[in-house]
Amino acid sequence: MSSMARFRNSNPDPLLANSILFPPDENSIWCRKENPLVSCERADWSIRVPNGKYLVTLTAGDAD
């Protein structure tokens, strides 16, 4: 997914200023017709961490 990373520098916090564009679901309207600008391949993201309790913050969207 690194080719889909966007570095905006629109926020002093780099965790909020940058984003990764995930492809739309294969059933999305964007994937019903062939479009060279849209990749509809499945993309997953995961991370392995030890068992325990974690505080997780998820942000969605693109401020720019």
Protein backbone atom coordinates (compact mmCIF):
# COMPACT_ATOMS: atom_id res chain seq x y z
CA MET A 1 0.00 0.00 0.00
CA SER A 2 3.01 2.35 0.10
CA SER A 3 2.21 3.57 -3.41
CA MET A 4 -1.12 4.82 -2.05
CA ALA A 5 0.47 6.92 0.75
CA ARG A 6 -0.24 10.65 0.69
CA PHE A 7 2.05 13.05 2.54
CA ARG A 8 0.09 16.26 3.03
CA ASN A 9 1.88 18.14 5.84
CA SER A 10 -1.47 19.84 6.52
CA ASN A 11 -1.31 19.22 10.26
CA PRO A 12 1.62 19.60 12.68
CA ASP A 13 0.97 16.01 13.83
CA PRO A 14 2.25 13.71 11.04
CA LEU A 15 -0.10 10.98 12.21
CA LEU A 16 -3.03 13.23 11.28
CA ALA A 17 -1.50 14.98 8.27
CA ASN A 18 -0.76 11.91 6.16
CA SER A 19 -2.95 9.12 4.89
CA ILE A 20 -3.08 5.90 2.91
CA LEU A 21 -5.82 5.52 0.33
CA PHE A 22 -7.35 2.08 0.57
CA PRO A 23 -9.06 0.74 -2.54
CA PRO A 24 -12.84 0.65 -2.61
CA ASP A 25 -14.73 -2.59 -2.10
CA GLU A 26 -14.97 -4.67 -5.27
CA ASN A 27 -18.75 -4.21 -5.18
CA SER A 28 -18.46 -0.42 -4.99
CA ILE A 29 -19.81 1.74 -7.79
CA TRP A 30 -16.19 2.76 -8.46
CA CYS A 31 -15.28 -0.84 -9.32
CA ARG A 32 -18.20 -1.76 -11.59
CA LYS A 33 -16.48 -0.36 -14.68
CA GLU A 34 -12.81 -0.64 -15.59
CA ASN A 35 -11.01 2.51 -14.57
CA PRO A 36 -7.20 2.78 -14.77
CA LEU A 37 -7.22 5.35 -11.95
CA VAL A 38 -8.94 3.05 -9.43
CA SER A 39 -7.44 -0.14 -8.06
CA CYS A 40 -10.10 -2.50 -6.71
CA GLU A 41 -7.73 -5.17 -5.50
CA ARG A 42 -8.27 -6.36 -1.93
CA ALA A 43 -6.04 -4.71 0.66
CA ASP A 44 -5.57 -5.77 4.27
CA TRP A 45 -3.61 -4.16 7.05
CA SER A 46 -2.52 -5.93 10.20
CA ILE A 47 0.02 -5.75 12.97
CA ARG A 48 1.12 -8.41 15.43
CA VAL A 49 1.34 -7.35 19.07
CA PRO A 50 1.60 -9.26 22.34
CA ASN A 51 -1.62 -10.15 24.16
CA GLY A 52 -2.82 -7.32 26.33
CA LYS A 53 -5.03 -4.25 26.45
CA TYR A 54 -4.35 -1.41 24.05
CA LEU A 55 -5.76 2.06 23.54
CA VAL A 56 -6.36 2.37 19.80
CA THR A 57 -7.22 5.55 17.92
CA LEU A 58 -8.59 5.29 14.41
CA THR A 59 -8.96 8.25 12.10
CA ALA A 60 -10.67 8.18 8.74
CA GLY A 61 -10.83 10.73 6.01
CA ASP A 62 -8.52 13.17 4.29
CA ALA A 63 -8.48 16.76 5.50
CA ASP A 64 -7.12 17.92 2.14
